[in-house]
Amino acid sequence: MMVHVLHKHLHSTGITSSEMYEHKPAVICFDPMVCEYGVNKCLATFLFGGVEGKPQTLPGLTYLSQHNSALFNDNRKYENYLPIMMMACRSTWYAHLKDKMLERELVGMNGSNAGIYVFWLVAPKTTRNLYYSLTIYDRYYLNSRSVIRLVRDYASYQNPSDFIPMEQNYLLLRDSEVNELMLGPNPKDKQFRPGIPMEIIIYENPTETPVQRIGKKKLQEALEQLPDDYIRKYAPLSGDW
């Protein structure tokens, strides 16, 4: 998976990529317009390196994950890092149904009124649980919603319709919630950026250290540093696929 991340996603337009360390927040801005119904979209790639400044905590050295092979030149420094991908998919509430034939029938009848967005993190199989907190803000940073979940196994099902009925390691947003989060002042106002700010924090032991979320000012500064071509001009969602 590391080779895949480095060669396909690291320099891709529209994907945030960075090194990540335990309890250190990373910020992305989610544009709902990049999601198509039933198609998984990689929003960000993270190269997890354990505790910052402590190379002995690299996942490959602590046996959290396997050593990455087939890396060349400058990429060899990531041999003991753990690649993690943040995924999103547009689906419907009917994905919760275990009866998939019924799900397809209901989607055909009323899918445009039951839209949801599903977000989750995946990585190669680890020997110990790896947790993350995902916090979603509105455009004013006045309201937020946060969950703590496990990073999912990359080898498991990645179609939300397959894993939503069986587990809870994801976050859901309804169409109405996305529209509400996107409401704000004129998009031309430079103080605000289109899209939904999201903060991700990864850690191995959620009880060991309190999670320190990034402040409003630093969050806005981080969003300003995101590449402009990552953010597309916002257009109101119609509710159609």
C-alpha atoms as a PDB file:
ATOM      1  CA  MET A   1       0.000   0.000   0.000  1.00  0.00           C
ATOM      2  CA  MET A   2       2.895   2.398   0.687  1.00  0.00           C
ATOM      3  CA  VAL A   3       4.072   2.114  -2.926  1.00  0.00           C
ATOM      4  CA  HIS A   4       0.509   2.798  -4.088  1.00  0.00           C
ATOM      5  CA  VAL A   5       0.220   5.888  -1.874  1.00  0.00           C
ATOM      6  CA  LEU A   6       3.596   7.332  -2.849  1.00  0.00           C
ATOM      7  CA  HIS A   7       3.203   6.817  -6.583  1.00  0.00           C
ATOM      8  CA  LYS A   8      -0.513   7.421  -7.135  1.00  0.00           C
ATOM      9  CA  HIS A   9      -1.677   9.841  -4.445  1.00  0.00           C
ATOM     10  CA  LEU A  10       1.276  11.749  -2.989  1.00  0.00           C
ATOM     11  CA  HIS A  11       1.349  14.435  -5.685  1.00  0.00           C
ATOM     12  CA  SER A  12      -2.192  14.076  -7.025  1.00  0.00           C
ATOM     13  CA  THR A  13      -4.269  17.203  -7.501  1.00  0.00           C
ATOM     14  CA  GLY A  14      -7.146  17.377  -5.047  1.00  0.00           C
ATOM     15  CA  ILE A  15      -5.592  15.077  -2.431  1.00  0.00           C
ATOM     16  CA  THR A  16      -3.985  16.321   0.771  1.00  0.00           C
ATOM     17  CA  SER A  17      -0.812  14.371   1.595  1.00  0.00           C
ATOM     18  CA  SER A  18       1.485  14.766   4.580  1.00  0.00           C
ATOM     19  CA  GLU A  19       3.478  13.040   7.264  1.00  0.00           C
ATOM     20  CA  MET A  20       1.471  12.565  10.456  1.00  0.00           C
ATOM     21  CA  TYR A  21       2.492  11.936  14.039  1.00  0.00           C
ATOM     22  CA  GLU A  22       0.661  10.777  17.132  1.00  0.00           C
ATOM     23  CA  HIS A  23      -1.669  13.391  18.661  1.00  0.00           C
ATOM     24  CA  LYS A  24      -0.648  15.963  16.021  1.00  0.00           C
ATOM     25  CA  PRO A  25      -3.707  17.392  14.200  1.00  0.00           C
ATOM     26  CA  ALA A  26      -3.946  17.415  10.420  1.00  0.00           C
ATOM     27  CA  VAL A  27      -6.476  19.600   8.619  1.00  0.00           C
ATOM     28  CA  ILE A  28      -8.194  19.078   5.285  1.00  0.00           C
ATOM     29  CA  CYS A  29     -11.104  20.811   3.567  1.00  0.00           C
ATOM     30  CA  PHE A  30     -13.778  18.546   2.098  1.00  0.00           C
ATOM     31  CA  ASP A  31     -15.579  19.561  -1.089  1.00  0.00           C
ATOM     32  CA  PRO A  32     -18.817  17.529  -1.439  1.00  0.00           C
ATOM     33  CA  MET A  33     -18.733  18.026  -5.200  1.00  0.00           C
ATOM     34  CA  VAL A  34     -15.826  15.563  -5.561  1.00  0.00           C
ATOM     35  CA  CYS A  35     -18.007  12.637  -4.467  1.00  0.00           C
ATOM     36  CA  GLU A  36     -20.026  10.529  -6.880  1.00  0.00           C
ATOM     37  CA  TYR A  37     -22.662   8.078  -5.754  1.00  0.00           C
ATOM     38  CA  GLY A  38     -21.157   4.657  -5.048  1.00  0.00           C
ATOM     39  CA  VAL A  39     -17.580   5.689  -5.924  1.00  0.00           C
ATOM     40  CA  ASN A  40     -14.899   5.735  -3.213  1.00  0.00           C
ATOM     41  CA  LYS A  41     -12.823   8.916  -3.194  1.00  0.00           C
ATOM     42  CA  CYS A  42      -9.442   9.302  -1.498  1.00  0.00           C
ATOM     43  CA  LEU A  43      -9.451  12.682   0.263  1.00  0.00           C
ATOM     44  CA  ALA A  44      -6.056  12.517   1.953  1.00  0.00           C
ATOM     45  CA  THR A  45      -3.034  10.301   2.487  1.00  0.00           C
ATOM     46  CA  PHE A  46      -1.009  10.300   5.689  1.00  0.00           C
ATOM     47  CA  LEU A  47       2.364   8.723   6.399  1.00  0.00           C
ATOM     48  CA  PHE A  48       2.140   7.896  10.101  1.00  0.00           C
ATOM     49  CA  GLY A  49       5.467   8.004  11.922  1.00  0.00           C
ATOM     50  CA  GLY A  50       4.590   7.328  15.559  1.00  0.00           C
ATOM     51  CA  VAL A  51       5.633  10.011  18.056  1.00  0.00           C
ATOM     52  CA  GLU A  52       7.271  13.008  16.420  1.00  0.00           C
ATOM     53  CA  GLY A  53      10.976  13.266  17.196  1.00  0.00           C
ATOM     54  CA  LYS A  54      11.160   9.671  18.466  1.00  0.00           C
ATOM     55  CA  PRO A  55      12.227   7.466  15.529  1.00  0.00           C
ATOM     56  CA  GLN A  56      12.183   4.403  17.787  1.00  0.00           C
ATOM     57  CA  THR A  57       8.367   4.684  17.773  1.00  0.00           C
ATOM     58  CA  LEU A  58       8.039   4.267  13.998  1.00  0.00           C
ATOM     59  CA  PRO A  59       5.297   1.663  13.320  1.00  0.00           C
ATOM     60  CA  GLY A  60       7.688  -0.670  11.508  1.00  0.00           C
ATOM     61  CA  LEU A  61      10.075  -0.671  14.474  1.00  0.00           C
ATOM     62  CA  THR A  62       7.416  -1.179  17.150  1.00  0.00           C
ATOM     63  CA  TYR A  63       5.848  -4.049  15.163  1.00  0.00           C
ATOM     64  CA  LEU A  64       2.613  -2.114  14.765  1.00  0.00           C
ATOM     65  CA  SER A  65       2.893  -2.721  11.030  1.00  0.00           C
ATOM     66  CA  GLN A  66       5.115  -4.489   8.559  1.00  0.00           C
ATOM     67  CA  HIS A  67       8.236  -3.014   7.030  1.00  0.00           C
ATOM     68  CA  ASN A  68       7.599  -1.357   3.633  1.00  0.00           C
ATOM     69  CA  SER A  69       9.671  -2.860   0.837  1.00  0.00           C
ATOM     70  CA  ALA A  70      10.332  -1.831  -2.781  1.00  0.00           C
ATOM     71  CA  LEU A  71      10.934   1.827  -1.886  1.00  0.00           C
ATOM     72  CA  PHE A  72      13.690   3.664  -3.721  1.00  0.00           C
ATOM     73  CA  ASN A  73      15.727   6.846  -3.424  1.00  0.00           C
ATOM     74  CA  ASP A  74      14.180   9.491  -1.131  1.00  0.00           C
ATOM     75  CA  ASN A  75      11.161   7.301  -0.415  1.00  0.00           C
ATOM     76  CA  ARG A  76      13.281   4.818   1.538  1.00  0.00           C
ATOM     77  CA  LYS A  77      12.917   7.054   4.592  1.00  0.00           C
ATOM     78  CA  TYR A  78       9.316   5.809   4.786  1.00  0.00           C
ATOM     79  CA  GLU A  79      10.238   2.136   5.112  1.00  0.00           C
ATOM     80  CA  ASN A  80       8.946   2.034   8.693  1.00  0.00           C
ATOM     81  CA  TYR A  81       6.049   4.477   8.328  1.00  0.00           C
ATOM     82  CA  LEU A  82       2.424   3.364   8.125  1.00  0.00           C
ATOM     83  CA  PRO A  83       0.436   4.594   5.102  1.00  0.00           C
ATOM     84  CA  ILE A  84      -3.110   5.710   5.939  1.00  0.00           C
ATOM     85  CA  MET A  85      -5.796   6.867   3.525  1.00  0.00           C
ATOM     86  CA  MET A  86      -8.859   8.952   4.353  1.00  0.00           C
ATOM     87  CA  MET A  87     -11.774   7.858   2.198  1.00  0.00           C
ATOM     88  CA  ALA A  88     -15.202   9.287   1.402  1.00  0.00           C
ATOM     89  CA  CYS A  89     -18.176   7.941  -0.498  1.00  0.00           C
ATOM     90  CA  ARG A  90     -21.645   9.187  -1.360  1.00  0.00           C
ATOM     91  CA  SER A  91     -24.256   6.608  -0.428  1.00  0.00           C
ATOM     92  CA  THR A  92     -27.775   6.378   1.052  1.00  0.00           C
ATOM     93  CA  TRP A  93     -29.325   5.534   4.405  1.00  0.00           C
ATOM     94  CA  TYR A  94     -30.473   2.270   2.852  1.00  0.00           C
ATOM     95  CA  ALA A  95     -26.855   1.049   3.001  1.00  0.00           C
ATOM     96  CA  HIS A  96     -27.616   0.138   6.636  1.00  0.00           C
ATOM     97  CA  LEU A  97     -29.878  -2.665   5.427  1.00  0.00           C
ATOM     98  CA  LYS A  98     -28.437  -6.173   5.441  1.00  0.00           C
ATOM     99  CA  ASP A  99     -30.898  -7.143   2.699  1.00  0.00           C
ATOM    100  CA  LYS A 100     -29.043  -5.750  -0.316  1.00  0.00           C
ATOM    101  CA  MET A 101     -31.807  -6.558  -2.773  1.00  0.00           C
ATOM    102  CA  LEU A 102     -34.178  -4.438  -0.699  1.00  0.00           C
ATOM    103  CA  GLU A 103     -31.517  -1.721  -0.512  1.00  0.00           C
ATOM    104  CA  ARG A 104     -31.273  -1.548  -4.306  1.00  0.00           C
ATOM    105  CA  GLU A 105     -35.054  -1.386  -4.652  1.00  0.00           C
ATOM    106  CA  LEU A 106     -35.356   1.457  -2.141  1.00  0.00           C
ATOM    107  CA  VAL A 107     -32.471   3.384  -3.701  1.00  0.00           C
ATOM    108  CA  GLY A 108     -34.239   3.170  -7.045  1.00  0.00           C
ATOM    109  CA  MET A 109     -37.470   4.439  -5.497  1.00  0.00           C
ATOM    110  CA  ASN A 110     -36.210   7.160  -3.158  1.00  0.00           C
ATOM    111  CA  GLY A 111     -32.408   7.349  -3.317  1.00  0.00           C
ATOM    112  CA  SER A 112     -32.243  11.079  -4.034  1.00  0.00           C
ATOM    113  CA  ASN A 113     -34.009  11.832  -0.733  1.00  0.00           C
ATOM    114  CA  ALA A 114     -31.825   9.581   1.432  1.00  0.00           C
ATOM    115  CA  GLY A 115     -28.313  10.735   0.556  1.00  0.00           C
ATOM    116  CA  ILE A 116     -25.411  10.467   2.995  1.00  0.00           C
ATOM    117  CA  TYR A 117     -21.642  10.932   2.925  1.00  0.00           C
ATOM    118  CA  VAL A 118     -19.476   8.277   4.572  1.00  0.00           C
ATOM    119  CA  PHE A 119     -15.937   8.993   5.855  1.00  0.00           C
ATOM    120  CA  TRP A 120     -13.388   6.473   7.137  1.00  0.00           C
ATOM    121  CA  LEU A 121      -9.642   5.807   7.447  1.00  0.00           C
ATOM    122  CA  VAL A 122      -7.887   2.692   6.138  1.00  0.00           C
ATOM    123  CA  ALA A 123      -4.387   1.277   6.497  1.00  0.00           C
ATOM    124  CA  PRO A 124      -2.601  -2.047   6.075  1.00  0.00           C
ATOM    125  CA  LYS A 125      -3.418  -4.520   8.840  1.00  0.00           C
ATOM    126  CA  THR A 126      -1.861  -3.560  12.174  1.00  0.00           C
ATOM    127  CA  THR A 127      -0.978  -5.757  15.138  1.00  0.00           C
ATOM    128  CA  ARG A 128      -2.648  -3.346  17.565  1.00  0.00           C
ATOM    129  CA  ASN A 129      -5.639  -1.050  17.356  1.00  0.00           C
ATOM    130  CA  LEU A 130      -4.982   2.369  15.860  1.00  0.00           C
ATOM    131  CA  TYR A 131      -7.486   5.105  16.694  1.00  0.00           C
ATOM    132  CA  TYR A 132      -8.330   8.466  15.207  1.00  0.00           C
ATOM    133  CA  SER A 133     -10.571  11.366  16.079  1.00  0.00           C
ATOM    134  CA  LEU A 134     -12.369  13.103  13.234  1.00  0.00           C
ATOM    135  CA  THR A 135     -13.824  16.543  13.915  1.00  0.00           C
ATOM    136  CA  ILE A 136     -15.993  18.374  11.409  1.00  0.00           C
ATOM    137  CA  TYR A 137     -16.560  22.133  11.672  1.00  0.00           C
ATOM    138  CA  ASP A 138     -18.966  24.557  10.102  1.00  0.00           C
ATOM    139  CA  ARG A 139     -17.534  27.440   8.091  1.00  0.00           C
ATOM    140  CA  TYR A 140     -17.615  29.773  11.101  1.00  0.00           C
ATOM    141  CA  TYR A 141     -15.870  27.246  13.402  1.00  0.00           C
ATOM    142  CA  LEU A 142     -18.679  27.788  15.895  1.00  0.00           C
ATOM    143  CA  ASN A 143     -20.113  24.271  15.807  1.00  0.00           C
ATOM    144  CA  SER A 144     -18.373  20.951  15.495  1.00  0.00           C
ATOM    145  CA  ARG A 145     -19.051  17.246  15.522  1.00  0.00           C
ATOM    146  CA  SER A 146     -16.416  14.761  16.619  1.00  0.00           C
ATOM    147  CA  VAL A 147     -16.081  10.978  16.761  1.00  0.00           C
ATOM    148  CA  ILE A 148     -13.387   8.519  17.819  1.00  0.00           C
ATOM    149  CA  ARG A 149     -13.032   5.482  15.580  1.00  0.00           C
ATOM    150  CA  LEU A 150     -10.633   2.684  14.653  1.00  0.00           C
ATOM    151  CA  VAL A 151      -8.588   2.810  11.466  1.00  0.00           C
ATOM    152  CA  ARG A 152     -10.047   0.113   9.219  1.00  0.00           C
ATOM    153  CA  ASP A 153      -8.093  -2.732   7.607  1.00  0.00           C
ATOM    154  CA  TYR A 154      -7.300  -1.959   3.965  1.00  0.00           C
ATOM    155  CA  ALA A 155      -7.913  -5.612   3.057  1.00  0.00           C
ATOM    156  CA  SER A 156     -11.499  -5.524   4.377  1.00  0.00           C
ATOM    157  CA  TYR A 157     -14.589  -4.446   2.461  1.00  0.00           C
ATOM    158  CA  GLN A 158     -14.334  -0.809   1.386  1.00  0.00           C
ATOM    159  CA  ASN A 159     -17.807  -0.416  -0.098  1.00  0.00           C
ATOM    160  CA  PRO A 160     -19.918   1.392   2.549  1.00  0.00           C
ATOM    161  CA  SER A 161     -22.903  -0.749   1.616  1.00  0.00           C
ATOM    162  CA  ASP A 162     -20.886  -3.792   2.714  1.00  0.00           C
ATOM    163  CA  PHE A 163     -19.389  -2.552   5.989  1.00  0.00           C
ATOM    164  CA  ILE A 164     -21.949  -0.074   7.379  1.00  0.00           C
ATOM    165  CA  PRO A 165     -24.371  -2.826   8.525  1.00  0.00           C
ATOM    166  CA  MET A 166     -21.587  -4.653  10.387  1.00  0.00           C
ATOM    167  CA  GLU A 167     -19.461  -2.010  12.144  1.00  0.00           C
ATOM    168  CA  GLN A 168     -19.242   1.598  13.317  1.00  0.00           C
ATOM    169  CA  ASN A 169     -15.756   2.700  12.270  1.00  0.00           C
ATOM    170  CA  TYR A 170     -16.901   5.549  10.060  1.00  0.00           C
ATOM    171  CA  LEU A 171     -18.663   8.908  10.261  1.00  0.00           C
ATOM    172  CA  LEU A 172     -21.884   9.745   8.423  1.00  0.00           C
ATOM    173  CA  LEU A 173     -23.220  13.107   7.284  1.00  0.00           C
ATOM    174  CA  ARG A 174     -26.697  13.502   5.827  1.00  0.00           C
ATOM    175  CA  ASP A 175     -27.239  15.722   2.792  1.00  0.00           C
ATOM    176  CA  SER A 176     -29.056  18.209   5.009  1.00  0.00           C
ATOM    177  CA  GLU A 177     -26.092  18.327   7.420  1.00  0.00           C
ATOM    178  CA  VAL A 178     -23.657  18.930   4.565  1.00  0.00           C
ATOM    179  CA  ASN A 179     -25.802  21.763   3.216  1.00  0.00           C
ATOM    180  CA  GLU A 180     -26.000  23.319   6.675  1.00  0.00           C
ATOM    181  CA  LEU A 181     -22.245  23.077   7.203  1.00  0.00           C
ATOM    182  CA  MET A 182     -21.643  24.719   3.830  1.00  0.00           C
ATOM    183  CA  LEU A 183     -23.822  27.736   4.583  1.00  0.00           C
ATOM    184  CA  GLY A 184     -21.855  30.913   5.069  1.00  0.00           C
ATOM    185  CA  PRO A 185     -20.966  34.318   3.672  1.00  0.00           C
ATOM    186  CA  ASN A 186     -20.123  35.110   0.090  1.00  0.00           C
ATOM    187  CA  PRO A 187     -17.587  32.498  -1.166  1.00  0.00           C
ATOM    188  CA  LYS A 188     -15.520  35.386  -2.593  1.00  0.00           C
ATOM    189  CA  ASP A 189     -14.816  36.555   0.948  1.00  0.00           C
ATOM    190  CA  LYS A 190     -11.145  35.633   1.456  1.00  0.00           C
ATOM    191  CA  GLN A 191     -11.694  35.074   5.161  1.00  0.00           C
ATOM    192  CA  PHE A 192     -13.588  31.879   4.369  1.00  0.00           C
ATOM    193  CA  ARG A 193     -12.815  28.988   2.049  1.00  0.00           C
ATOM    194  CA  PRO A 194     -15.348  26.793   0.267  1.00  0.00           C
ATOM    195  CA  GLY A 195     -15.791  23.327   1.673  1.00  0.00           C
ATOM    196  CA  ILE A 196     -16.056  21.738   5.100  1.00  0.00           C
ATOM    197  CA  PRO A 197     -13.036  21.928   7.453  1.00  0.00           C
ATOM    198  CA  MET A 198     -12.058  18.576   8.943  1.00  0.00           C
ATOM    199  CA  GLU A 199      -9.445  17.792  11.573  1.00  0.00           C
ATOM    200  CA  ILE A 200      -7.872  14.347  11.950  1.00  0.00           C
ATOM    201  CA  ILE A 201      -5.792  13.157  14.916  1.00  0.00           C
ATOM    202  CA  ILE A 202      -4.294   9.657  15.021  1.00  0.00           C
ATOM    203  CA  TYR A 203      -3.097   7.851  18.137  1.00  0.00           C
ATOM    204  CA  GLU A 204      -2.466   4.327  19.332  1.00  0.00           C
ATOM    205  CA  ASN A 205      -3.728   4.686  22.898  1.00  0.00           C
ATOM    206  CA  PRO A 206      -6.693   7.084  23.285  1.00  0.00           C
ATOM    207  CA  THR A 207      -6.441   7.080  27.097  1.00  0.00           C
ATOM    208  CA  GLU A 208      -2.721   7.751  27.344  1.00  0.00           C
ATOM    209  CA  THR A 209      -2.687  11.435  26.414  1.00  0.00           C
ATOM    210  CA  PRO A 210      -5.557  13.933  26.230  1.00  0.00           C
ATOM    211  CA  VAL A 211      -6.363  14.868  22.646  1.00  0.00           C
ATOM    212  CA  GLN A 212      -5.369  18.493  22.064  1.00  0.00           C
ATOM    213  CA  ARG A 213      -7.540  19.892  19.310  1.00  0.00           C
ATOM    214  CA  ILE A 214      -6.278  22.745  17.219  1.00  0.00           C
ATOM    215  CA  GLY A 215      -7.634  26.206  18.069  1.00  0.00           C
ATOM    216  CA  LYS A 216      -9.855  28.261  15.770  1.00  0.00           C
ATOM    217  CA  LYS A 217      -7.069  30.664  14.766  1.00  0.00           C
ATOM    218  CA  LYS A 218      -4.574  27.892  13.999  1.00  0.00           C
ATOM    219  CA  LEU A 219      -7.252  25.927  12.157  1.00  0.00           C
ATOM    220  CA  GLN A 220      -7.960  28.879   9.880  1.00  0.00           C
ATOM    221  CA  GLU A 221      -4.220  29.375   9.308  1.00  0.00           C
ATOM    222  CA  ALA A 222      -3.834  25.698   8.417  1.00  0.00           C
ATOM    223  CA  LEU A 223      -6.701  25.894   5.933  1.00  0.00           C
ATOM    224  CA  GLU A 224      -5.089  28.924   4.293  1.00  0.00           C
ATOM    225  CA  GLN A 225      -2.015  26.798   3.593  1.00  0.00           C
ATOM    226  CA  LEU A 226      -3.982  24.180   1.671  1.00  0.00           C
ATOM    227  CA  PRO A 227      -3.277  24.319  -2.072  1.00  0.00           C
ATOM    228  CA  ASP A 228      -5.853  26.382  -3.957  1.00  0.00           C
ATOM    229  CA  ASP A 229      -6.392  23.683  -6.570  1.00  0.00           C
ATOM    230  CA  TYR A 230      -7.620  21.365  -3.819  1.00  0.00           C
ATOM    231  CA  ILE A 231     -10.707  23.487  -3.240  1.00  0.00           C
ATOM    232  CA  ARG A 232     -13.320  23.694  -5.954  1.00  0.00           C
ATOM    233  CA  LYS A 233     -15.853  26.483  -6.126  1.00  0.00           C
ATOM    234  CA  TYR A 234     -18.870  25.480  -4.089  1.00  0.00           C
ATOM    235  CA  ALA A 235     -22.231  24.954  -5.767  1.00  0.00           C
ATOM    236  CA  PRO A 236     -25.376  24.069  -3.756  1.00  0.00           C
ATOM    237  CA  LEU A 237     -26.157  20.366  -3.720  1.00  0.00           C
ATOM    238  CA  SER A 238     -29.282  19.393  -5.589  1.00  0.00           C
ATOM    239  CA  GLY A 239     -29.790  16.058  -3.858  1.00  0.00           C
ATOM    240  CA  ASP A 240     -29.368  14.193  -7.163  1.00  0.00           C
ATOM    241  CA  TRP A 241     -26.566  11.776  -7.946  1.00  0.00           C
END
